Amino acid sequence: MSFMLVFTEAYNRRALRWLKRHPDLRQQYLKTLQLLQINPHHPSLRLHALSAFHYPQVEITI
């Protein structure tokens, strides 16, 4: 089962800025997003919950 990733305009702006600063990590970034879409619980994503928020939020390390 594949999930749908939804990106906000703010995220898109930050992602573009980040990719301009780290062009060598572009392929790894895209691979991580594809893996997140296919299987959000994959161990290589190093997914963990953020406890400071009142609603469910997670962080992924690239």
N, C-alpha and C. Protein backbone atom coordinates (compact mmCIF):
# COMPACT_ATOMS: atom_id res chain seq x y z
N MET A 1 0.85 -1.18 0.00
CA MET A 1 0.00 0.00 0.00
C MET A 1 0.89 1.24 0.00
N SER A 2 0.60 2.16 -0.87
CA SER A 2 1.37 3.39 -0.99
C SER A 2 0.61 4.54 -0.34
N PHE A 3 1.32 5.41 0.32
CA PHE A 3 0.72 6.56 0.98
C PHE A 3 0.92 7.80 0.12
N MET A 4 0.10 8.80 0.35
CA MET A 4 0.22 10.05 -0.39
C MET A 4 0.88 11.09 0.51
N LEU A 5 1.97 11.68 0.04
CA LEU A 5 2.64 12.73 0.79
C LEU A 5 2.05 14.07 0.36
N VAL A 6 1.73 14.90 1.33
CA VAL A 6 1.17 16.22 1.06
C VAL A 6 2.17 17.25 1.56
N PHE A 7 2.57 18.17 0.68
CA PHE A 7 3.56 19.18 1.03
C PHE A 7 2.91 20.56 1.03
N THR A 8 3.21 21.35 2.04
CA THR A 8 2.72 22.72 2.11
C THR A 8 3.64 23.62 1.29
N GLU A 9 3.20 24.81 0.99
CA GLU A 9 4.03 25.78 0.27
C GLU A 9 5.27 26.12 1.09
N ALA A 10 5.11 26.24 2.40
CA ALA A 10 6.25 26.55 3.27
C ALA A 10 7.28 25.43 3.20
N TYR A 11 6.82 24.18 3.21
CA TYR A 11 7.75 23.05 3.10
C TYR A 11 8.47 23.07 1.76
N ASN A 12 7.74 23.33 0.70
CA ASN A 12 8.34 23.36 -0.64
C ASN A 12 9.43 24.43 -0.74
N ARG A 13 9.18 25.59 -0.16
CA ARG A 13 10.18 26.66 -0.18
C ARG A 13 11.43 26.24 0.60
N ARG A 14 11.22 25.66 1.78
CA ARG A 14 12.35 25.23 2.60
C ARG A 14 13.11 24.10 1.93
N ALA A 15 12.40 23.18 1.28
CA ALA A 15 13.05 22.06 0.60
C ALA A 15 13.90 22.57 -0.56
N LEU A 16 13.38 23.51 -1.34
CA LEU A 16 14.15 24.07 -2.45
C LEU A 16 15.41 24.77 -1.95
N ARG A 17 15.28 25.53 -0.88
CA ARG A 17 16.43 26.22 -0.30
C ARG A 17 17.47 25.21 0.21
N TRP A 18 16.98 24.15 0.86
CA TRP A 18 17.86 23.12 1.39
C TRP A 18 18.59 22.40 0.26
N LEU A 19 17.85 22.08 -0.81
CA LEU A 19 18.45 21.39 -1.95
C LEU A 19 19.49 22.26 -2.67
N LYS A 20 19.28 23.57 -2.68
CA LYS A 20 20.28 24.46 -3.27
C LYS A 20 21.56 24.46 -2.45
N ARG A 21 21.43 24.35 -1.14
CA ARG A 21 22.59 24.34 -0.25
C ARG A 21 23.28 22.97 -0.21
N HIS A 22 22.53 21.90 -0.52
CA HIS A 22 23.06 20.53 -0.45
C HIS A 22 22.75 19.76 -1.73
N PRO A 23 23.28 20.20 -2.86
CA PRO A 23 22.95 19.52 -4.12
C PRO A 23 23.46 18.08 -4.17
N ASP A 24 24.49 17.78 -3.41
CA ASP A 24 25.02 16.42 -3.41
C ASP A 24 24.10 15.42 -2.70
N LEU A 25 23.14 15.92 -1.91
CA LEU A 25 22.22 15.04 -1.19
C LEU A 25 20.86 14.91 -1.87
N ARG A 26 20.74 15.46 -3.07
CA ARG A 26 19.45 15.45 -3.77
C ARG A 26 18.91 14.03 -3.99
N GLN A 27 19.75 13.12 -4.46
CA GLN A 27 19.30 11.75 -4.72
C GLN A 27 18.89 11.04 -3.44
N GLN A 28 19.65 11.26 -2.37
CA GLN A 28 19.30 10.63 -1.09
C GLN A 28 17.98 11.21 -0.56
N TYR A 29 17.78 12.50 -0.74
CA TYR A 29 16.54 13.16 -0.32
C TYR A 29 15.34 12.57 -1.07
N LEU A 30 15.46 12.44 -2.38
CA LEU A 30 14.36 11.89 -3.19
C LEU A 30 14.11 10.43 -2.84
N LYS A 31 15.17 9.66 -2.62
CA LYS A 31 15.02 8.26 -2.24
C LYS A 31 14.30 8.15 -0.89
N THR A 32 14.63 9.03 0.04
CA THR A 32 13.98 9.01 1.35
C THR A 32 12.50 9.32 1.23
N LEU A 33 12.14 10.29 0.40
CA LEU A 33 10.72 10.61 0.20
C LEU A 33 9.98 9.45 -0.45
N GLN A 34 10.60 8.80 -1.40
CA GLN A 34 9.96 7.64 -2.06
C GLN A 34 9.76 6.50 -1.06
N LEU A 35 10.75 6.26 -0.23
CA LEU A 35 10.64 5.21 0.77
C LEU A 35 9.57 5.55 1.79
N LEU A 36 9.49 6.82 2.18
CA LEU A 36 8.45 7.26 3.11
C LEU A 36 7.06 7.04 2.51
N GLN A 37 6.92 7.29 1.24
CA GLN A 37 5.63 7.09 0.58
C GLN A 37 5.25 5.61 0.49
N ILE A 38 6.23 4.77 0.25
CA ILE A 38 5.97 3.33 0.12
C ILE A 38 5.75 2.67 1.48
N ASN A 39 6.65 2.97 2.43
CA ASN A 39 6.58 2.32 3.74
C ASN A 39 7.09 3.28 4.82
N PRO A 40 6.20 4.04 5.46
CA PRO A 40 6.63 5.02 6.45
C PRO A 40 7.29 4.42 7.70
N HIS A 41 7.19 3.12 7.88
CA HIS A 41 7.79 2.49 9.06
C HIS A 41 9.07 1.73 8.74
N HIS A 42 9.65 1.99 7.58
CA HIS A 42 10.88 1.31 7.19
C HIS A 42 12.01 1.71 8.16
N PRO A 43 12.79 0.75 8.64
CA PRO A 43 13.83 1.04 9.63
C PRO A 43 14.90 2.03 9.16
N SER A 44 15.19 2.06 7.87
CA SER A 44 16.24 2.96 7.41
C SER A 44 15.82 4.43 7.47
N LEU A 45 14.54 4.71 7.65
CA LEU A 45 14.09 6.09 7.79
C LEU A 45 14.42 6.67 9.16
N ARG A 46 14.69 5.83 10.12
CA ARG A 46 15.00 6.26 11.49
C ARG A 46 13.92 7.22 12.00
N LEU A 47 12.69 6.78 11.84
CA LEU A 47 11.51 7.55 12.21
C LEU A 47 11.32 7.53 13.72
N HIS A 48 11.06 8.71 14.30
CA HIS A 48 10.75 8.76 15.72
C HIS A 48 9.77 9.88 16.00
N ALA A 49 8.99 9.69 17.03
CA ALA A 49 7.95 10.65 17.39
C ALA A 49 8.56 11.87 18.07
N LEU A 50 7.94 13.01 17.84
CA LEU A 50 8.32 14.25 18.52
C LEU A 50 7.34 14.45 19.66
N SER A 51 7.84 14.48 20.88
CA SER A 51 6.95 14.53 22.04
C SER A 51 6.56 15.94 22.47
N ALA A 52 7.17 16.97 21.92
CA ALA A 52 6.87 18.33 22.35
C ALA A 52 5.57 18.88 21.76
N PHE A 53 4.97 18.15 20.85
CA PHE A 53 3.76 18.61 20.18
C PHE A 53 2.53 17.91 20.76
N HIS A 54 1.40 18.58 20.68
CA HIS A 54 0.15 18.05 21.21
C HIS A 54 -0.58 17.15 20.21
N TYR A 55 -0.10 17.11 19.00
CA TYR A 55 -0.71 16.27 17.96
C TYR A 55 0.39 15.39 17.38
N PRO A 56 0.03 14.28 16.79
CA PRO A 56 1.06 13.35 16.29
C PRO A 56 1.92 13.97 15.21
N GLN A 57 3.22 13.98 15.46
CA GLN A 57 4.18 14.46 14.49
C GLN A 57 5.41 13.57 14.58
N VAL A 58 6.06 13.35 13.46
CA VAL A 58 7.26 12.52 13.44
C VAL A 58 8.37 13.24 12.72
N GLU A 59 9.59 12.81 12.96
CA GLU A 59 10.77 13.36 12.31
C GLU A 59 11.52 12.23 11.64
N ILE A 60 12.06 12.51 10.47
CA ILE A 60 12.86 11.54 9.73
C ILE A 60 14.23 12.14 9.51
N THR A 61 15.26 11.37 9.76
CA THR A 61 16.62 11.83 9.53
C THR A 61 17.07 11.43 8.15
N ILE A 62 17.61 12.40 7.41
CA ILE A 62 18.12 12.12 6.06
C ILE A 62 19.62 11.97 6.15
